[in-house]
Amino acid sequence: MTRITIPIGPQHPALKEPLSFLLTVEGEHVIESALRLGYVHRGIEYLCQQRTYIQNVHVVERVCGICSHVHSTVYCQGVEALMALEPPPRALHLRTLLCELERIHSHLLWLGVLAELIGFTTIFMYAWRDREIVLDIMEELSGGRVAHAVNIVGGVRVDVEPEQVRSILARLDELEQQLDTFLGLIEHERSFQARTRHVGHLSVEQIRRYCVVGPVARASGVDVDLRRDAPYAAYEQLDFQVITAPEGDVWARTMVRTLESVESLHLCRQLLQNLPSGDLTVRAPRRAPAGEVVSRAEAPRGEVIYYIRSDGSDKPARIKIRTPTLTTLITLPDQLRGVNTADVPTVLAGVDLCIACADR
């Protein structure tokens, strides 16, 4: 049978960000694929080294539009460790609250994208409608729907009032009812299962070989989550379950992300109901002592790592960012090999790519 090469990207309806694939196909089956990145490189690490520690809080929020808050959280944690600062407990709880709201937002956005690409427009419309509940809450707390600018070195800049707590809890109850609807569809809708089961499979061995993290790893049975394994912010005081699944396909990733959203709702309730009193920030110096630090956090897509080195000035000598998307990207040739061409969008959506944070 004749082999032909099909280009996908860098601009394509199945890609929400620029990315290029060359698929070699025989008939309707993918034989091999090649990947090219670099279309949205912005030099963010270099930009951070030209700006002060304070200015960089807003720069790192632009690494990723969906998980902007967790990037500023990891960065601030690292700078605070260099400066030997301990943010107040109330600030840590509010940081964690925004992290979990952002996780729900990210997972609902992803569910909508997946549903649209496999032809389930109804799930897409419902998921993105209910995502507005989370965006409205984050906008009420911070003033921003995407970039929140909540974190500062030494704490946070926003507070939550008792009336807001009651309002947010009521809206979270509404959202939980909708998540139960999604779970029912994912578990029992035969056509959804037909498009996602046994598609884009990754084994435990492949997950470990490529160092994949986050929901993609947990959907292949790898029980790893920094919130539990290396607690930061307020996670050590919270009770939650790490969601895993053994199947390792797109259906398992859908279940993991939806159940994680339910767990995030429970975490938000714990944070709001047990919010400590006190200050929101501690005073931070403009300069950091010479030294280096590694800061980590569990973003919606998995572990984010920041390496920060200080030379004693008011600007970092070096910043290196490791996002979870890059290791997931390099699994795509394995996932695409042998799949039907109609399932290529399902595989691409299933790993929840963020090209902007991979390129930076």
Protein backbone atom coordinates (compact mmCIF):
# COMPACT_ATOMS: atom_id res chain seq x y z
CA MET A 1 0.00 0.00 0.00
CA THR A 2 1.28 3.49 -0.88
CA ARG A 3 2.51 5.66 1.96
CA ILE A 4 1.72 9.37 1.93
CA THR A 5 2.70 12.23 4.27
CA ILE A 6 -0.02 14.44 5.74
CA PRO A 7 0.92 17.77 7.37
CA ILE A 8 -1.02 18.90 10.43
CA GLY A 9 -0.27 22.45 11.60
CA PRO A 10 1.18 24.79 12.51
CA GLN A 11 -2.32 26.20 11.93
CA HIS A 12 -5.09 23.60 12.06
CA PRO A 13 -8.66 23.41 13.45
CA ALA A 14 -7.59 20.57 15.78
CA LEU A 15 -4.79 22.69 17.32
CA LYS A 16 -5.54 25.56 19.65
CA GLU A 17 -1.87 26.67 19.48
CA PRO A 18 0.80 26.48 16.74
CA LEU A 19 2.34 23.02 16.47
CA SER A 20 3.46 21.02 13.44
CA PHE A 21 3.11 17.29 12.76
CA LEU A 22 4.04 15.27 9.70
CA LEU A 23 2.04 12.05 9.67
CA THR A 24 3.09 9.15 7.46
CA VAL A 25 0.00 7.08 6.71
CA GLU A 26 -0.90 3.88 4.89
CA GLY A 27 -4.57 3.93 4.02
CA GLU A 28 -6.29 5.15 7.18
CA HIS A 29 -3.55 4.18 9.65
CA VAL A 30 -0.69 6.31 10.95
CA ILE A 31 2.66 4.56 10.51
CA GLU A 32 4.91 7.22 12.03
CA SER A 33 4.94 10.91 12.91
CA ALA A 34 7.38 13.79 13.31
CA LEU A 35 6.91 16.77 15.64
CA ARG A 36 8.16 20.34 15.36
CA LEU A 37 7.98 23.05 18.06
CA GLY A 38 9.21 26.62 18.32
CA TYR A 39 6.40 28.66 16.79
CA VAL A 40 5.54 30.61 19.96
CA HIS A 41 8.94 30.94 21.65
CA ARG A 42 8.98 34.21 23.61
CA GLY A 43 12.25 34.07 25.55
CA ILE A 44 10.54 34.35 28.93
CA GLU A 45 13.47 32.93 30.91
CA TYR A 46 15.79 35.57 29.41
CA LEU A 47 13.22 38.30 30.07
CA CYS A 48 13.08 37.26 33.74
CA GLN A 49 16.85 37.66 34.05
CA GLN A 50 16.56 41.30 32.88
CA ARG A 51 13.89 42.24 35.42
CA THR A 52 13.70 42.45 39.20
CA TYR A 53 12.25 39.76 41.44
CA ILE A 54 9.13 41.90 41.93
CA GLN A 55 8.60 42.56 38.21
CA ASN A 56 9.01 38.88 37.36
CA VAL A 57 5.87 37.87 39.27
CA HIS A 58 3.86 39.32 36.37
CA VAL A 59 6.19 37.95 33.69
CA VAL A 60 5.92 34.31 34.81
CA GLU A 61 2.11 34.60 34.85
CA ARG A 62 2.40 34.91 31.06
CA VAL A 63 4.08 31.51 30.64
CA CYS A 64 0.63 29.93 30.37
CA GLY A 65 -2.76 31.56 30.10
CA ILE A 66 -4.70 28.67 31.61
CA CYS A 67 -2.46 28.00 34.65
CA SER A 68 -1.03 31.49 35.19
CA HIS A 69 -1.55 31.46 38.96
CA VAL A 70 0.38 28.27 39.62
CA HIS A 71 3.41 29.65 37.75
CA SER A 72 3.50 32.75 39.93
CA THR A 73 3.00 30.49 42.97
CA VAL A 74 6.02 28.34 42.12
CA TYR A 75 8.11 31.43 41.36
CA CYS A 76 7.13 33.22 44.59
CA GLN A 77 7.83 30.07 46.63
CA GLY A 78 11.33 29.93 45.19
CA VAL A 79 12.09 33.62 45.81
CA GLU A 80 10.67 33.38 49.33
CA ALA A 81 12.95 30.41 50.01
CA LEU A 82 15.96 32.45 48.81
CA MET A 83 14.93 35.37 51.04
CA ALA A 84 14.02 33.11 54.03
CA LEU A 85 10.46 34.47 54.10
CA GLU A 86 7.46 32.66 55.56
CA PRO A 87 4.14 33.91 54.12
CA PRO A 88 1.22 34.12 56.60
CA PRO A 89 -1.14 31.11 56.83
CA ARG A 90 -4.06 33.09 55.41
CA ALA A 91 -2.00 33.98 52.35
CA LEU A 92 -1.04 30.33 51.81
CA HIS A 93 -4.68 29.27 52.01
CA LEU A 94 -5.72 31.89 49.45
CA ARG A 95 -2.87 30.84 47.14
CA THR A 96 -4.05 27.27 47.37
CA LEU A 97 -7.68 28.26 46.75
CA LEU A 98 -6.76 29.95 43.45
CA CYS A 99 -4.63 26.93 42.49
CA GLU A 100 -7.60 24.59 42.88
CA LEU A 101 -10.05 26.90 41.12
CA GLU A 102 -7.54 27.11 38.28
CA ARG A 103 -7.33 23.30 38.17
CA ILE A 104 -11.12 23.02 37.76
CA HIS A 105 -11.06 25.70 35.07
CA SER A 106 -8.27 23.93 33.18
CA HIS A 107 -9.94 20.51 33.32
CA LEU A 108 -13.33 21.85 32.18
CA LEU A 109 -11.71 23.74 29.32
CA TRP A 110 -9.89 20.56 28.30
CA LEU A 111 -13.08 18.48 28.48
CA GLY A 112 -14.81 20.93 26.17
CA VAL A 113 -11.94 20.89 23.66
CA LEU A 114 -11.86 17.07 23.62
CA ALA A 115 -15.63 16.81 23.21
CA GLU A 116 -15.66 19.27 20.32
CA LEU A 117 -12.86 17.48 18.46
CA ILE A 118 -14.61 14.11 18.63
CA GLY A 119 -17.99 15.53 17.66
CA PHE A 120 -19.74 15.85 21.06
CA THR A 121 -20.75 19.48 20.73
CA THR A 122 -23.29 19.18 23.55
CA ILE A 123 -20.64 18.24 26.10
CA PHE A 124 -18.47 21.05 24.75
CA MET A 125 -21.23 23.62 25.28
CA TYR A 126 -22.08 22.37 28.78
CA ALA A 127 -18.43 22.18 29.89
CA TRP A 128 -17.62 25.69 28.71
CA ARG A 129 -20.85 27.06 30.16
CA ASP A 130 -20.07 25.60 33.58
CA ARG A 131 -16.45 26.76 33.29
CA GLU A 132 -17.87 30.29 33.48
CA ILE A 133 -18.84 29.61 37.10
CA VAL A 134 -15.19 29.16 38.00
CA LEU A 135 -14.06 32.12 35.90
CA ASP A 136 -16.65 34.35 37.59
CA ILE A 137 -15.40 33.27 41.03
CA MET A 138 -11.76 33.97 40.10
CA GLU A 139 -12.72 37.32 38.60
CA GLU A 140 -14.58 38.24 41.79
CA LEU A 141 -11.54 37.32 43.91
CA SER A 142 -8.79 38.87 41.80
CA GLY A 143 -10.33 41.09 39.16
CA GLY A 144 -8.96 38.91 36.35
CA ARG A 145 -10.38 35.92 34.51
CA VAL A 146 -7.07 34.66 33.09
CA ALA A 147 -4.13 36.56 34.63
CA HIS A 148 -5.00 37.07 38.29
CA ALA A 149 -1.96 38.87 39.75
CA VAL A 150 -2.88 37.49 43.19
CA ASN A 151 0.62 36.46 44.30
CA ILE A 152 3.32 38.80 45.51
CA VAL A 153 6.66 37.88 47.04
CA GLY A 154 5.80 37.31 50.70
CA GLY A 155 2.09 36.57 50.34
CA VAL A 156 -0.96 37.64 48.33
CA ARG A 157 -2.55 40.98 47.49
CA VAL A 158 -6.27 40.00 47.71
CA ASP A 159 -8.55 38.89 50.52
CA VAL A 160 -11.95 37.22 50.68
CA GLU A 161 -14.86 38.55 52.74
CA PRO A 162 -17.35 36.36 54.69
CA GLU A 163 -20.17 37.24 52.24
CA GLN A 164 -17.95 36.17 49.34
CA VAL A 165 -17.23 32.86 51.07
CA ARG A 166 -20.95 32.07 51.32
CA SER A 167 -21.53 33.05 47.69
CA ILE A 168 -18.61 30.98 46.41
CA LEU A 169 -19.67 27.91 48.38
CA ALA A 170 -23.17 28.10 46.87
CA ARG A 171 -21.76 28.30 43.34
CA LEU A 172 -19.42 25.39 44.01
CA ASP A 173 -22.45 23.29 45.01
CA GLU A 174 -24.06 24.16 41.67
CA LEU A 175 -20.90 23.19 39.80
CA GLU A 176 -20.66 19.84 41.60
CA GLN A 177 -24.11 18.88 40.30
CA GLN A 178 -22.92 19.56 36.76
CA LEU A 179 -19.75 17.50 37.27
CA ASP A 180 -21.95 14.56 38.32
CA THR A 181 -23.73 14.92 34.96
CA PHE A 182 -20.41 14.82 33.10
CA LEU A 183 -19.32 11.73 35.01
CA GLY A 184 -22.54 9.96 34.03
CA LEU A 185 -21.98 10.78 30.37
CA ILE A 186 -18.34 9.67 30.42
CA GLU A 187 -19.11 6.41 32.20
CA HIS A 188 -22.24 5.38 30.28
CA GLU A 189 -22.32 7.12 26.88
CA ARG A 190 -21.40 4.35 24.42
CA SER A 191 -20.42 6.63 21.57
CA PHE A 192 -18.09 8.65 23.80
CA GLN A 193 -16.42 5.46 24.98
CA ALA A 194 -16.10 4.20 21.41
CA ARG A 195 -14.10 7.31 20.47
CA THR A 196 -11.84 7.34 23.56
CA ARG A 197 -11.30 3.79 24.86
CA HIS A 198 -8.04 2.10 23.72
CA VAL A 199 -7.02 5.33 21.94
CA GLY A 200 -3.69 7.02 22.72
CA HIS A 201 -2.58 4.30 25.12
CA LEU A 202 0.50 4.83 27.31
CA SER A 203 1.85 2.06 29.53
CA VAL A 204 3.43 2.55 32.95
CA GLU A 205 6.82 1.81 31.38
CA GLN A 206 6.34 4.54 28.77
CA ILE A 207 5.22 7.02 31.43
CA ARG A 208 8.39 6.40 33.43
CA ARG A 209 10.67 6.35 30.38
CA TYR A 210 9.47 9.79 29.24
CA CYS A 211 9.07 11.19 32.81
CA VAL A 212 5.41 12.06 32.16
CA VAL A 213 3.59 13.68 35.11
CA GLY A 214 0.14 14.92 36.04
CA PRO A 215 -3.22 13.48 34.94
CA VAL A 216 -1.68 11.67 31.96
CA ALA A 217 0.61 9.72 34.31
CA ARG A 218 -2.14 9.11 36.86
CA ALA A 219 -4.44 7.83 34.09
CA SER A 220 -1.84 5.11 33.40
CA GLY A 221 -1.81 4.00 37.04
CA VAL A 222 1.22 6.03 38.22
CA ASP A 223 0.27 7.32 41.67
CA VAL A 224 2.15 10.64 41.78
CA ASP A 225 0.94 14.06 42.94
CA LEU A 226 3.14 16.78 44.46
CA ARG A 227 0.27 18.12 46.55
CA ARG A 228 0.50 14.92 48.59
CA ASP A 229 4.08 13.77 47.96
CA ALA A 230 5.84 17.13 48.60
CA PRO A 231 3.20 19.42 50.15
CA TYR A 232 3.51 23.17 49.59
CA ALA A 233 1.32 26.20 50.38
CA ALA A 234 -1.58 24.88 52.53
CA TYR A 235 -1.84 21.34 51.12
CA GLU A 236 -0.34 19.67 54.18
CA GLN A 237 -3.43 20.72 56.16
CA LEU A 238 -5.93 19.43 53.60
CA ASP A 239 -7.56 16.06 53.12
CA PHE A 240 -7.95 14.82 49.54
CA GLN A 241 -7.64 11.74 47.36
CA VAL A 242 -5.20 11.33 44.47
CA ILE A 243 -7.19 10.05 41.49
CA THR A 244 -5.66 7.29 39.35
CA ALA A 245 -6.88 4.90 36.66
CA PRO A 246 -5.22 1.81 35.18
CA GLU A 247 -6.36 1.96 31.52
CA GLY A 248 -3.86 4.55 30.22
CA ASP A 249 -6.06 5.74 27.32
CA VAL A 250 -7.97 8.94 26.53
CA TRP A 251 -11.07 7.65 28.33
CA ALA A 252 -9.04 7.13 31.54
CA ARG A 253 -7.58 10.64 31.22
CA THR A 254 -11.10 12.01 30.93
CA MET A 255 -12.20 10.18 34.08
CA VAL A 256 -9.12 11.25 36.02
CA ARG A 257 -9.54 14.93 35.14
CA THR A 258 -13.27 14.96 35.88
CA LEU A 259 -12.83 13.21 39.24
CA GLU A 260 -9.92 15.52 40.04
CA SER A 261 -12.27 18.46 39.46
CA VAL A 262 -14.64 16.99 42.06
CA GLU A 263 -11.73 16.62 44.50
CA SER A 264 -10.72 20.22 43.81
CA LEU A 265 -14.24 21.33 44.76
CA HIS A 266 -13.84 19.54 48.09
CA LEU A 267 -10.46 21.22 48.60
CA CYS A 268 -11.96 24.64 47.88
CA ARG A 269 -14.63 24.03 50.49
CA GLN A 270 -12.03 23.02 53.08
CA LEU A 271 -9.97 26.12 52.35
CA LEU A 272 -12.92 28.50 52.57
CA GLN A 273 -14.44 26.94 55.67
CA ASN A 274 -11.12 26.83 57.56
CA LEU A 275 -9.60 30.10 56.38
CA PRO A 276 -7.25 31.34 59.13
CA SER A 277 -7.28 34.97 60.22
CA GLY A 278 -4.26 37.24 60.07
CA ASP A 279 -2.11 39.17 57.64
CA LEU A 280 -1.89 38.61 53.91
CA THR A 281 1.81 39.31 53.43
CA VAL A 282 5.18 39.81 55.07
CA ARG A 283 7.62 42.51 54.03
CA ALA A 284 10.10 41.33 51.40
CA PRO A 285 13.52 42.85 50.63
CA ARG A 286 14.34 43.98 47.09
CA ARG A 287 17.45 41.80 46.90
CA ALA A 288 17.87 38.07 47.47
CA PRO A 289 21.02 36.65 49.08
CA ALA A 290 23.33 34.75 46.75
CA GLY A 291 22.25 31.13 46.38
CA GLU A 292 20.04 28.82 44.36
CA VAL A 293 16.72 27.08 44.89
CA VAL A 294 14.37 24.62 43.18
CA SER A 295 10.64 25.24 43.61
CA ARG A 296 7.90 22.79 42.57
CA ALA A 297 4.11 22.64 42.42
CA GLU A 298 1.36 20.49 40.91
CA ALA A 299 -0.14 22.45 38.02
CA PRO A 300 -3.34 21.23 36.29
CA ARG A 301 -1.17 19.37 33.75
CA GLY A 302 1.37 18.10 36.29
CA GLU A 303 4.59 19.06 38.05
CA VAL A 304 6.05 22.53 37.31
CA ILE A 305 9.67 23.13 38.32
CA TYR A 306 11.46 26.49 38.67
CA TYR A 307 15.21 26.74 39.19
CA ILE A 308 16.23 30.19 40.45
CA ARG A 309 19.82 31.33 41.07
CA SER A 310 20.67 34.59 42.82
CA ASP A 311 23.94 36.53 42.67
CA GLY A 312 22.92 38.88 45.49
CA SER A 313 21.38 41.58 43.26
CA ASP A 314 17.75 42.58 42.78
CA LYS A 315 17.54 40.45 39.60
CA PRO A 316 17.84 36.67 39.26
CA ALA A 317 21.10 35.50 37.68
CA ARG A 318 19.31 32.51 36.13
CA ILE A 319 15.78 31.18 35.89
CA LYS A 320 14.97 27.82 34.31
CA ILE A 321 11.39 26.59 33.94
CA ARG A 322 10.33 23.00 33.35
CA THR A 323 6.68 22.60 32.42
CA PRO A 324 4.78 19.28 32.28
CA THR A 325 3.75 19.65 28.63
CA LEU A 326 7.19 18.97 27.13
CA THR A 327 7.47 15.39 28.39
CA THR A 328 3.89 14.72 27.28
CA LEU A 329 4.62 16.08 23.81
CA ILE A 330 7.45 13.63 23.21
CA THR A 331 5.08 10.71 23.85
CA LEU A 332 2.89 11.66 20.88
CA PRO A 333 4.84 9.68 18.23
CA ASP A 334 4.28 6.56 20.36
CA GLN A 335 0.60 7.35 20.88
CA LEU A 336 -0.07 8.14 17.21
CA ARG A 337 1.66 5.07 15.80
CA GLY A 338 -0.96 2.67 14.46
CA VAL A 339 -4.05 4.80 15.20
CA ASN A 340 -6.76 5.54 12.67
CA THR A 341 -6.40 9.00 11.10
CA ALA A 342 -9.86 9.92 12.45
CA ASP A 343 -8.50 9.40 15.98
CA VAL A 344 -5.53 11.78 15.60
CA PRO A 345 -7.46 14.79 17.03
CA THR A 346 -8.56 12.62 19.98
CA VAL A 347 -4.94 11.70 20.76
CA LEU A 348 -3.76 15.30 20.47
CA ALA A 349 -6.54 16.61 22.69
CA GLY A 350 -6.22 13.74 25.15
CA VAL A 351 -2.81 14.81 26.46
CA ASP A 352 -3.96 18.43 27.12
CA LEU A 353 -1.18 20.20 25.23
CA CYS A 354 -0.06 23.71 26.15
CA ILE A 355 2.37 24.74 23.44
CA ALA A 356 2.92 28.23 24.84
CA CYS A 357 4.32 26.91 28.14
CA ALA A 358 6.41 24.26 26.34
CA ASP A 359 7.98 26.84 23.99
CA ARG A 360 8.03 29.83 26.38
